Amino acid sequence: MYEFDHIKRMTNSIFRQLNCERFEVDGNLVGIDSRIKEVNLLLHMESNDVRIVGIYGIGEIGKTTIAKVIYNELSWEFEYMSFAS
């Protein structure tokens, strides 16, 4: 657990210096990895085209959490980024 905390502190420090905001997401999420993988495949990050992906469903199933995790993973690759929920 120590390594995870150290890496998280380093990452947050770098993001603060770059003026990037990261979302706080619980590190104990269960069953979310496959959903994140599905959305990442829809984004086709190897393409230079613009992509918009809508995540919809009934309330309280983790839609915003999935979006926040993906935003945290990918936002560093872009000069400008935005998050709307």
N, C-alpha and C. Protein backbone atom coordinates (compact mmCIF):
# COMPACT_ATOMS: atom_id res chain seq x y z
N MET A 1 0.82 -1.19 0.00
CA MET A 1 0.00 0.00 0.00
C MET A 1 0.86 1.25 0.00
N TYR A 2 2.04 1.18 0.58
CA TYR A 2 2.92 2.35 0.65
C TYR A 2 3.27 2.86 -0.74
N GLU A 3 3.61 1.95 -1.65
CA GLU A 3 3.98 2.35 -3.01
C GLU A 3 2.83 3.07 -3.71
N PHE A 4 1.62 2.55 -3.54
CA PHE A 4 0.44 3.17 -4.14
C PHE A 4 0.28 4.60 -3.64
N ASP A 5 0.38 4.80 -2.33
CA ASP A 5 0.23 6.14 -1.76
C ASP A 5 1.32 7.08 -2.25
N HIS A 6 2.53 6.59 -2.34
CA HIS A 6 3.65 7.40 -2.81
C HIS A 6 3.44 7.82 -4.27
N ILE A 7 3.05 6.88 -5.10
CA ILE A 7 2.79 7.18 -6.52
C ILE A 7 1.64 8.16 -6.66
N LYS A 8 0.59 7.98 -5.87
CA LYS A 8 -0.55 8.88 -5.93
C LYS A 8 -0.14 10.30 -5.53
N ARG A 9 0.66 10.45 -4.49
CA ARG A 9 1.13 11.77 -4.08
C ARG A 9 1.99 12.42 -5.17
N MET A 10 2.87 11.64 -5.79
CA MET A 10 3.72 12.16 -6.86
C MET A 10 2.87 12.62 -8.05
N THR A 11 1.92 11.79 -8.44
CA THR A 11 1.06 12.11 -9.57
C THR A 11 0.25 13.36 -9.31
N ASN A 12 -0.34 13.46 -8.13
CA ASN A 12 -1.12 14.64 -7.78
C ASN A 12 -0.26 15.89 -7.76
N SER A 13 0.97 15.77 -7.28
CA SER A 13 1.89 16.90 -7.27
C SER A 13 2.19 17.38 -8.69
N ILE A 14 2.46 16.45 -9.57
CA ILE A 14 2.75 16.80 -10.97
C ILE A 14 1.53 17.45 -11.61
N PHE A 15 0.35 16.90 -11.37
CA PHE A 15 -0.86 17.47 -11.95
C PHE A 15 -1.11 18.87 -11.42
N ARG A 16 -0.84 19.12 -10.13
CA ARG A 16 -1.00 20.47 -9.59
C ARG A 16 -0.05 21.44 -10.26
N GLN A 17 1.19 21.00 -10.49
CA GLN A 17 2.17 21.86 -11.13
C GLN A 17 1.78 22.17 -12.57
N LEU A 18 1.13 21.24 -13.22
CA LEU A 18 0.68 21.43 -14.59
C LEU A 18 -0.68 22.10 -14.67
N ASN A 19 -1.25 22.40 -13.52
CA ASN A 19 -2.58 23.00 -13.44
C ASN A 19 -3.67 22.07 -13.96
N CYS A 20 -3.52 20.80 -13.79
CA CYS A 20 -4.52 19.82 -14.21
C CYS A 20 -5.26 19.34 -12.97
N GLU A 21 -6.53 19.12 -13.11
CA GLU A 21 -7.31 18.63 -11.98
C GLU A 21 -7.60 17.15 -12.18
N ARG A 22 -7.32 16.38 -11.14
CA ARG A 22 -7.67 14.96 -11.16
C ARG A 22 -8.86 14.77 -10.23
N PHE A 23 -9.71 13.83 -10.59
CA PHE A 23 -10.85 13.53 -9.76
C PHE A 23 -10.48 12.48 -8.72
N GLU A 24 -10.99 12.65 -7.52
CA GLU A 24 -10.81 11.64 -6.48
C GLU A 24 -11.78 10.50 -6.77
N VAL A 25 -11.23 9.30 -6.87
CA VAL A 25 -12.04 8.11 -7.11
C VAL A 25 -11.59 7.05 -6.11
N ASP A 26 -12.54 6.41 -5.48
CA ASP A 26 -12.23 5.36 -4.50
C ASP A 26 -11.37 4.29 -5.14
N GLY A 27 -10.29 3.91 -4.49
CA GLY A 27 -9.38 2.91 -5.02
C GLY A 27 -9.87 1.49 -4.85
N ASN A 28 -10.98 1.29 -4.16
CA ASN A 28 -11.50 -0.06 -3.89
C ASN A 28 -12.73 -0.38 -4.73
N LEU A 29 -12.70 0.00 -5.98
CA LEU A 29 -13.85 -0.25 -6.85
C LEU A 29 -13.85 -1.71 -7.31
N VAL A 30 -15.01 -2.32 -7.32
CA VAL A 30 -15.14 -3.73 -7.69
C VAL A 30 -15.89 -3.83 -9.01
N GLY A 31 -15.34 -4.59 -9.95
CA GLY A 31 -16.03 -4.86 -11.21
C GLY A 31 -16.03 -3.71 -12.21
N ILE A 32 -15.19 -2.72 -12.00
CA ILE A 32 -15.21 -1.56 -12.89
C ILE A 32 -14.21 -1.69 -14.04
N ASP A 33 -13.19 -2.52 -13.88
CA ASP A 33 -12.13 -2.62 -14.89
C ASP A 33 -12.65 -3.00 -16.27
N SER A 34 -13.58 -3.94 -16.34
CA SER A 34 -14.10 -4.35 -17.65
C SER A 34 -14.90 -3.23 -18.31
N ARG A 35 -15.61 -2.45 -17.50
CA ARG A 35 -16.39 -1.32 -18.03
C ARG A 35 -15.46 -0.23 -18.57
N ILE A 36 -14.38 0.03 -17.84
CA ILE A 36 -13.42 1.03 -18.28
C ILE A 36 -12.76 0.59 -19.59
N LYS A 37 -12.45 -0.69 -19.68
CA LYS A 37 -11.85 -1.22 -20.90
C LYS A 37 -12.81 -1.06 -22.08
N GLU A 38 -14.09 -1.33 -21.87
CA GLU A 38 -15.09 -1.18 -22.93
C GLU A 38 -15.15 0.26 -23.44
N VAL A 39 -15.19 1.21 -22.52
CA VAL A 39 -15.27 2.62 -22.93
C VAL A 39 -13.98 3.05 -23.62
N ASN A 40 -12.84 2.61 -23.12
CA ASN A 40 -11.57 2.94 -23.77
C ASN A 40 -11.53 2.43 -25.21
N LEU A 41 -12.09 1.24 -25.44
CA LEU A 41 -12.14 0.71 -26.81
C LEU A 41 -13.02 1.58 -27.70
N LEU A 42 -14.11 2.11 -27.15
CA LEU A 42 -14.99 2.99 -27.92
C LEU A 42 -14.31 4.30 -28.30
N LEU A 43 -13.36 4.73 -27.51
CA LEU A 43 -12.69 6.01 -27.76
C LEU A 43 -11.69 5.95 -28.90
N HIS A 44 -11.21 4.77 -29.27
CA HIS A 44 -10.24 4.62 -30.36
C HIS A 44 -9.14 5.68 -30.26
N MET A 45 -8.38 5.65 -29.17
CA MET A 45 -7.39 6.68 -28.90
C MET A 45 -6.28 6.75 -29.94
N GLU A 46 -6.10 5.73 -30.72
CA GLU A 46 -5.06 5.76 -31.76
C GLU A 46 -5.48 6.64 -32.94
N SER A 47 -6.75 6.99 -33.02
CA SER A 47 -7.28 7.83 -34.10
C SER A 47 -7.15 9.31 -33.72
N ASN A 48 -7.00 10.15 -34.72
CA ASN A 48 -6.96 11.60 -34.50
C ASN A 48 -8.33 12.25 -34.59
N ASP A 49 -9.36 11.46 -34.82
CA ASP A 49 -10.72 11.98 -34.94
C ASP A 49 -11.26 12.40 -33.57
N VAL A 50 -12.25 13.27 -33.59
CA VAL A 50 -12.93 13.69 -32.37
C VAL A 50 -13.87 12.57 -31.95
N ARG A 51 -13.90 12.30 -30.66
CA ARG A 51 -14.78 11.25 -30.14
C ARG A 51 -15.61 11.81 -28.98
N ILE A 52 -16.86 11.47 -28.97
CA ILE A 52 -17.74 11.77 -27.84
C ILE A 52 -18.45 10.46 -27.51
N VAL A 53 -18.38 10.08 -26.26
CA VAL A 53 -19.02 8.85 -25.82
C VAL A 53 -19.99 9.18 -24.71
N GLY A 54 -21.22 8.80 -24.88
CA GLY A 54 -22.23 8.98 -23.84
C GLY A 54 -22.33 7.74 -22.98
N ILE A 55 -22.42 7.94 -21.69
CA ILE A 55 -22.59 6.82 -20.75
C ILE A 55 -23.94 7.03 -20.09
N TYR A 56 -24.85 6.07 -20.27
CA TYR A 56 -26.18 6.25 -19.74
C TYR A 56 -26.64 4.99 -19.02
N GLY A 57 -27.64 5.15 -18.18
CA GLY A 57 -28.20 4.02 -17.44
C GLY A 57 -28.93 4.53 -16.21
N ILE A 58 -29.47 3.60 -15.44
CA ILE A 58 -30.20 3.99 -14.24
C ILE A 58 -29.25 4.60 -13.22
N GLY A 59 -29.80 5.30 -12.26
CA GLY A 59 -29.01 6.00 -11.26
C GLY A 59 -28.22 5.07 -10.35
N GLU A 60 -27.09 5.60 -9.87
CA GLU A 60 -26.27 4.94 -8.85
C GLU A 60 -25.62 3.63 -9.29
N ILE A 61 -25.29 3.51 -10.58
CA ILE A 61 -24.61 2.29 -11.01
C ILE A 61 -23.14 2.53 -11.37
N GLY A 62 -22.68 3.79 -11.20
CA GLY A 62 -21.27 4.06 -11.39
C GLY A 62 -20.89 4.74 -12.70
N LYS A 63 -21.85 5.35 -13.38
CA LYS A 63 -21.56 6.00 -14.67
C LYS A 63 -20.55 7.13 -14.50
N THR A 64 -20.77 7.99 -13.53
CA THR A 64 -19.86 9.12 -13.31
C THR A 64 -18.50 8.63 -12.84
N THR A 65 -18.48 7.60 -12.04
CA THR A 65 -17.21 7.05 -11.56
C THR A 65 -16.38 6.52 -12.73
N ILE A 66 -17.02 5.81 -13.65
CA ILE A 66 -16.32 5.31 -14.84
C ILE A 66 -15.75 6.48 -15.63
N ALA A 67 -16.57 7.51 -15.83
CA ALA A 67 -16.12 8.68 -16.59
C ALA A 67 -14.94 9.37 -15.90
N LYS A 68 -14.98 9.48 -14.59
CA LYS A 68 -13.88 10.12 -13.85
C LYS A 68 -12.59 9.31 -13.96
N VAL A 69 -12.68 8.00 -13.87
CA VAL A 69 -11.49 7.16 -13.98
C VAL A 69 -10.87 7.31 -15.36
N ILE A 70 -11.69 7.28 -16.40
CA ILE A 70 -11.18 7.43 -17.76
C ILE A 70 -10.59 8.82 -17.97
N TYR A 71 -11.25 9.85 -17.44
CA TYR A 71 -10.72 11.21 -17.52
C TYR A 71 -9.34 11.28 -16.86
N ASN A 72 -9.21 10.71 -15.68
CA ASN A 72 -7.93 10.71 -14.98
C ASN A 72 -6.85 9.99 -15.78
N GLU A 73 -7.22 8.90 -16.43
CA GLU A 73 -6.25 8.11 -17.19
C GLU A 73 -5.81 8.82 -18.48
N LEU A 74 -6.72 9.56 -19.12
CA LEU A 74 -6.44 10.08 -20.45
C LEU A 74 -6.18 11.58 -20.52
N SER A 75 -6.59 12.34 -19.53
CA SER A 75 -6.53 13.80 -19.65
C SER A 75 -5.12 14.34 -19.84
N TRP A 76 -4.12 13.67 -19.34
CA TRP A 76 -2.74 14.14 -19.47
C TRP A 76 -2.26 14.14 -20.92
N GLU A 77 -2.95 13.40 -21.80
CA GLU A 77 -2.54 13.31 -23.20
C GLU A 77 -2.97 14.51 -24.03
N PHE A 78 -3.77 15.41 -23.45
CA PHE A 78 -4.35 16.51 -24.21
C PHE A 78 -3.92 17.86 -23.67
N GLU A 79 -3.82 18.83 -24.55
CA GLU A 79 -3.47 20.18 -24.15
C GLU A 79 -4.61 20.80 -23.35
N TYR A 80 -5.84 20.56 -23.79
CA TYR A 80 -7.03 21.08 -23.11
C TYR A 80 -7.97 19.92 -22.82
N MET A 81 -8.65 19.99 -21.69
CA MET A 81 -9.59 18.93 -21.36
C MET A 81 -10.75 19.53 -20.57
N SER A 82 -11.88 18.84 -20.60
CA SER A 82 -13.07 19.30 -19.92
C SER A 82 -13.87 18.09 -19.45
N PHE A 83 -14.61 18.28 -18.39
CA PHE A 83 -15.44 17.20 -17.86
C PHE A 83 -16.80 17.79 -17.53
N ALA A 84 -17.85 17.22 -18.05
CA ALA A 84 -19.21 17.67 -17.76
C ALA A 84 -20.02 16.47 -17.29
N SER A 85 -20.75 16.67 -16.21
CA SER A 85 -21.60 15.56 -15.73
C SER A 85 -22.97 16.08 -15.38
